[in-house]
Amino acid sequence: MINKCIHLEELLESEVSVIKQNIEEWKEFKHIKNDEKAYRSYIKNYGEWMREQYCGLICKDRHDCKLAKKYLTD
């Protein structure tokens, strides 16, 4: 059983990719002009959801990972 994330780099790369694809729309939707504030806001609102998606659905080691167990669906 894996007790720590061994795919952290891939997780972060996927999160950055999602944020980059959506940040301009997020800034407009939330009326945020500053990029840094927009990134923080996006992560605050969607960071856990992005981890859930990656760890529960994408990670190749999700079935052997103690951390991912809470994100797995039946």
N, C-alpha and C. Protein backbone atom coordinates (compact mmCIF):
# COMPACT_ATOMS: atom_id res chain seq x y z
N MET A 1 0.85 -1.18 0.00
CA MET A 1 0.00 0.00 0.00
C MET A 1 0.89 1.25 0.00
N ILE A 2 0.62 2.17 -0.88
CA ILE A 2 1.38 3.42 -0.99
C ILE A 2 0.83 4.41 0.04
N ASN A 3 1.71 5.02 0.84
CA ASN A 3 1.30 5.92 1.90
C ASN A 3 1.51 7.40 1.61
N LYS A 4 2.14 7.71 0.48
CA LYS A 4 2.33 9.10 0.08
C LYS A 4 2.22 9.19 -1.43
N CYS A 5 1.90 10.36 -1.93
CA CYS A 5 1.71 10.53 -3.37
C CYS A 5 3.05 10.39 -4.09
N ILE A 6 3.12 9.42 -4.98
CA ILE A 6 4.33 9.24 -5.78
C ILE A 6 4.16 9.82 -7.18
N HIS A 7 3.01 10.44 -7.41
CA HIS A 7 2.73 11.06 -8.71
C HIS A 7 2.40 12.54 -8.54
N LEU A 8 3.00 13.16 -7.54
CA LEU A 8 2.70 14.55 -7.25
C LEU A 8 2.99 15.46 -8.43
N GLU A 9 4.08 15.23 -9.12
CA GLU A 9 4.42 16.06 -10.28
C GLU A 9 3.34 15.97 -11.35
N GLU A 10 2.85 14.77 -11.63
CA GLU A 10 1.80 14.60 -12.63
C GLU A 10 0.49 15.24 -12.16
N LEU A 11 0.18 15.10 -10.88
CA LEU A 11 -1.01 15.72 -10.32
C LEU A 11 -0.95 17.23 -10.50
N LEU A 12 0.16 17.83 -10.15
CA LEU A 12 0.30 19.28 -10.26
C LEU A 12 0.28 19.73 -11.72
N GLU A 13 0.91 18.97 -12.60
CA GLU A 13 0.88 19.31 -14.02
C GLU A 13 -0.54 19.29 -14.56
N SER A 14 -1.32 18.32 -14.14
CA SER A 14 -2.71 18.26 -14.62
C SER A 14 -3.53 19.42 -14.06
N GLU A 15 -3.29 19.78 -12.79
CA GLU A 15 -4.00 20.91 -12.20
C GLU A 15 -3.64 22.21 -12.91
N VAL A 16 -2.36 22.42 -13.17
CA VAL A 16 -1.91 23.63 -13.87
C VAL A 16 -2.54 23.69 -15.25
N SER A 17 -2.61 22.58 -15.94
CA SER A 17 -3.21 22.53 -17.27
C SER A 17 -4.68 22.95 -17.23
N VAL A 18 -5.42 22.43 -16.27
CA VAL A 18 -6.84 22.77 -16.13
C VAL A 18 -7.00 24.25 -15.82
N ILE A 19 -6.19 24.75 -14.91
CA ILE A 19 -6.29 26.16 -14.53
C ILE A 19 -5.99 27.06 -15.72
N LYS A 20 -4.92 26.76 -16.44
CA LYS A 20 -4.55 27.59 -17.61
C LYS A 20 -5.66 27.62 -18.65
N GLN A 21 -6.35 26.51 -18.82
CA GLN A 21 -7.43 26.44 -19.80
C GLN A 21 -8.65 27.25 -19.38
N ASN A 22 -8.80 27.47 -18.08
CA ASN A 22 -10.03 28.08 -17.58
C ASN A 22 -9.86 29.42 -16.88
N ILE A 23 -8.65 29.90 -16.72
CA ILE A 23 -8.43 31.06 -15.86
C ILE A 23 -9.05 32.35 -16.41
N GLU A 24 -9.02 32.55 -17.70
CA GLU A 24 -9.59 33.78 -18.24
C GLU A 24 -11.10 33.84 -18.02
N GLU A 25 -11.79 32.74 -18.25
CA GLU A 25 -13.23 32.68 -17.99
C GLU A 25 -13.51 32.86 -16.50
N TRP A 26 -12.65 32.27 -15.65
CA TRP A 26 -12.81 32.38 -14.20
C TRP A 26 -12.66 33.84 -13.76
N LYS A 27 -11.66 34.52 -14.32
CA LYS A 27 -11.44 35.93 -13.99
C LYS A 27 -12.66 36.76 -14.36
N GLU A 28 -13.21 36.50 -15.52
CA GLU A 28 -14.39 37.24 -15.96
C GLU A 28 -15.60 36.91 -15.08
N PHE A 29 -15.81 35.64 -14.80
CA PHE A 29 -16.93 35.19 -13.99
C PHE A 29 -16.88 35.77 -12.57
N LYS A 30 -15.68 35.79 -11.98
CA LYS A 30 -15.51 36.27 -10.61
C LYS A 30 -15.15 37.75 -10.52
N HIS A 31 -15.02 38.40 -11.68
CA HIS A 31 -14.67 39.82 -11.73
C HIS A 31 -13.33 40.09 -11.04
N ILE A 32 -12.36 39.28 -11.38
CA ILE A 32 -11.01 39.39 -10.83
C ILE A 32 -10.07 39.81 -11.95
N LYS A 33 -9.31 40.85 -11.73
CA LYS A 33 -8.38 41.32 -12.76
C LYS A 33 -6.97 40.82 -12.54
N ASN A 34 -6.58 40.61 -11.31
CA ASN A 34 -5.24 40.20 -10.95
C ASN A 34 -5.08 38.70 -11.16
N ASP A 35 -4.06 38.30 -11.93
CA ASP A 35 -3.85 36.88 -12.22
C ASP A 35 -3.61 36.06 -10.96
N GLU A 36 -2.77 36.56 -10.06
CA GLU A 36 -2.45 35.81 -8.86
C GLU A 36 -3.69 35.56 -8.00
N LYS A 37 -4.50 36.57 -7.86
CA LYS A 37 -5.75 36.42 -7.09
C LYS A 37 -6.69 35.43 -7.77
N ALA A 38 -6.71 35.46 -9.08
CA ALA A 38 -7.57 34.54 -9.83
C ALA A 38 -7.11 33.10 -9.64
N TYR A 39 -5.80 32.87 -9.69
CA TYR A 39 -5.27 31.52 -9.48
C TYR A 39 -5.62 31.02 -8.08
N ARG A 40 -5.42 31.87 -7.09
CA ARG A 40 -5.74 31.48 -5.71
C ARG A 40 -7.22 31.16 -5.56
N SER A 41 -8.06 31.98 -6.15
CA SER A 41 -9.50 31.78 -6.07
C SER A 41 -9.90 30.47 -6.74
N TYR A 42 -9.35 30.20 -7.89
CA TYR A 42 -9.67 28.97 -8.62
C TYR A 42 -9.26 27.74 -7.81
N ILE A 43 -8.05 27.79 -7.26
CA ILE A 43 -7.55 26.65 -6.47
C ILE A 43 -8.40 26.48 -5.22
N LYS A 44 -8.75 27.57 -4.57
CA LYS A 44 -9.59 27.49 -3.37
C LYS A 44 -10.93 26.82 -3.68
N ASN A 45 -11.50 27.14 -4.83
CA ASN A 45 -12.80 26.60 -5.20
C ASN A 45 -12.75 25.22 -5.83
N TYR A 46 -11.69 24.91 -6.56
CA TYR A 46 -11.65 23.67 -7.32
C TYR A 46 -10.46 22.76 -7.03
N GLY A 47 -9.57 23.16 -6.15
CA GLY A 47 -8.37 22.37 -5.87
C GLY A 47 -8.68 20.96 -5.39
N GLU A 48 -9.57 20.84 -4.43
CA GLU A 48 -9.91 19.52 -3.90
C GLU A 48 -10.63 18.68 -4.96
N TRP A 49 -11.49 19.30 -5.74
CA TRP A 49 -12.19 18.58 -6.81
C TRP A 49 -11.20 18.07 -7.85
N MET A 50 -10.20 18.89 -8.21
CA MET A 50 -9.21 18.44 -9.19
C MET A 50 -8.41 17.26 -8.65
N ARG A 51 -8.07 17.31 -7.36
CA ARG A 51 -7.35 16.18 -6.77
C ARG A 51 -8.22 14.94 -6.76
N GLU A 52 -9.48 15.11 -6.43
CA GLU A 52 -10.41 13.98 -6.43
C GLU A 52 -10.49 13.33 -7.81
N GLN A 53 -10.55 14.14 -8.84
CA GLN A 53 -10.63 13.62 -10.20
C GLN A 53 -9.35 12.88 -10.58
N TYR A 54 -8.21 13.50 -10.27
CA TYR A 54 -6.94 12.86 -10.62
C TYR A 54 -6.73 11.57 -9.83
N CYS A 55 -6.83 11.68 -8.52
CA CYS A 55 -6.53 10.53 -7.66
C CYS A 55 -7.58 9.42 -7.78
N GLY A 56 -8.82 9.78 -7.96
CA GLY A 56 -9.88 8.79 -8.01
C GLY A 56 -10.14 8.18 -9.37
N LEU A 57 -9.74 8.89 -10.42
CA LEU A 57 -10.07 8.41 -11.77
C LEU A 57 -8.87 8.24 -12.71
N ILE A 58 -7.82 9.02 -12.52
CA ILE A 58 -6.74 9.05 -13.50
C ILE A 58 -5.47 8.33 -13.05
N CYS A 59 -5.09 8.52 -11.81
CA CYS A 59 -3.82 7.97 -11.32
C CYS A 59 -3.75 6.46 -11.53
N LYS A 60 -2.65 6.01 -12.12
CA LYS A 60 -2.51 4.58 -12.42
C LYS A 60 -2.33 3.73 -11.17
N ASP A 61 -1.93 4.34 -10.06
CA ASP A 61 -1.72 3.60 -8.82
C ASP A 61 -2.84 3.82 -7.80
N ARG A 62 -3.96 4.34 -8.24
CA ARG A 62 -5.04 4.72 -7.32
C ARG A 62 -5.58 3.56 -6.48
N HIS A 63 -5.55 2.35 -7.00
CA HIS A 63 -6.10 1.21 -6.26
C HIS A 63 -5.13 0.69 -5.19
N ASP A 64 -3.87 1.12 -5.27
CA ASP A 64 -2.87 0.72 -4.29
C ASP A 64 -2.44 1.88 -3.40
N CYS A 65 -3.13 2.99 -3.48
CA CYS A 65 -2.75 4.20 -2.76
C CYS A 65 -3.70 4.48 -1.60
N LYS A 66 -3.13 4.58 -0.42
CA LYS A 66 -3.91 4.86 0.78
C LYS A 66 -4.61 6.23 0.67
N LEU A 67 -3.94 7.21 0.08
CA LEU A 67 -4.49 8.56 -0.04
C LEU A 67 -5.64 8.62 -1.04
N ALA A 68 -5.57 7.81 -2.10
CA ALA A 68 -6.59 7.85 -3.14
C ALA A 68 -7.85 7.07 -2.78
N LYS A 69 -7.77 6.21 -1.81
CA LYS A 69 -8.92 5.34 -1.45
C LYS A 69 -10.20 6.15 -1.23
N LYS A 70 -10.10 7.31 -0.61
CA LYS A 70 -11.31 8.10 -0.33
C LYS A 70 -11.93 8.69 -1.59
N TYR A 71 -11.19 8.71 -2.70
CA TYR A 71 -11.70 9.26 -3.94
C TYR A 71 -12.22 8.20 -4.91
N LEU A 72 -11.99 6.95 -4.63
CA LEU A 72 -12.40 5.88 -5.54
C LEU A 72 -13.90 5.70 -5.51
N THR A 73 -14.45 5.44 -6.68
CA THR A 73 -15.88 5.13 -6.77
C THR A 73 -16.05 3.64 -6.99
N ASP A 74 -17.20 3.15 -6.69
CA ASP A 74 -17.47 1.71 -6.84
C ASP A 74 -17.58 1.32 -8.30
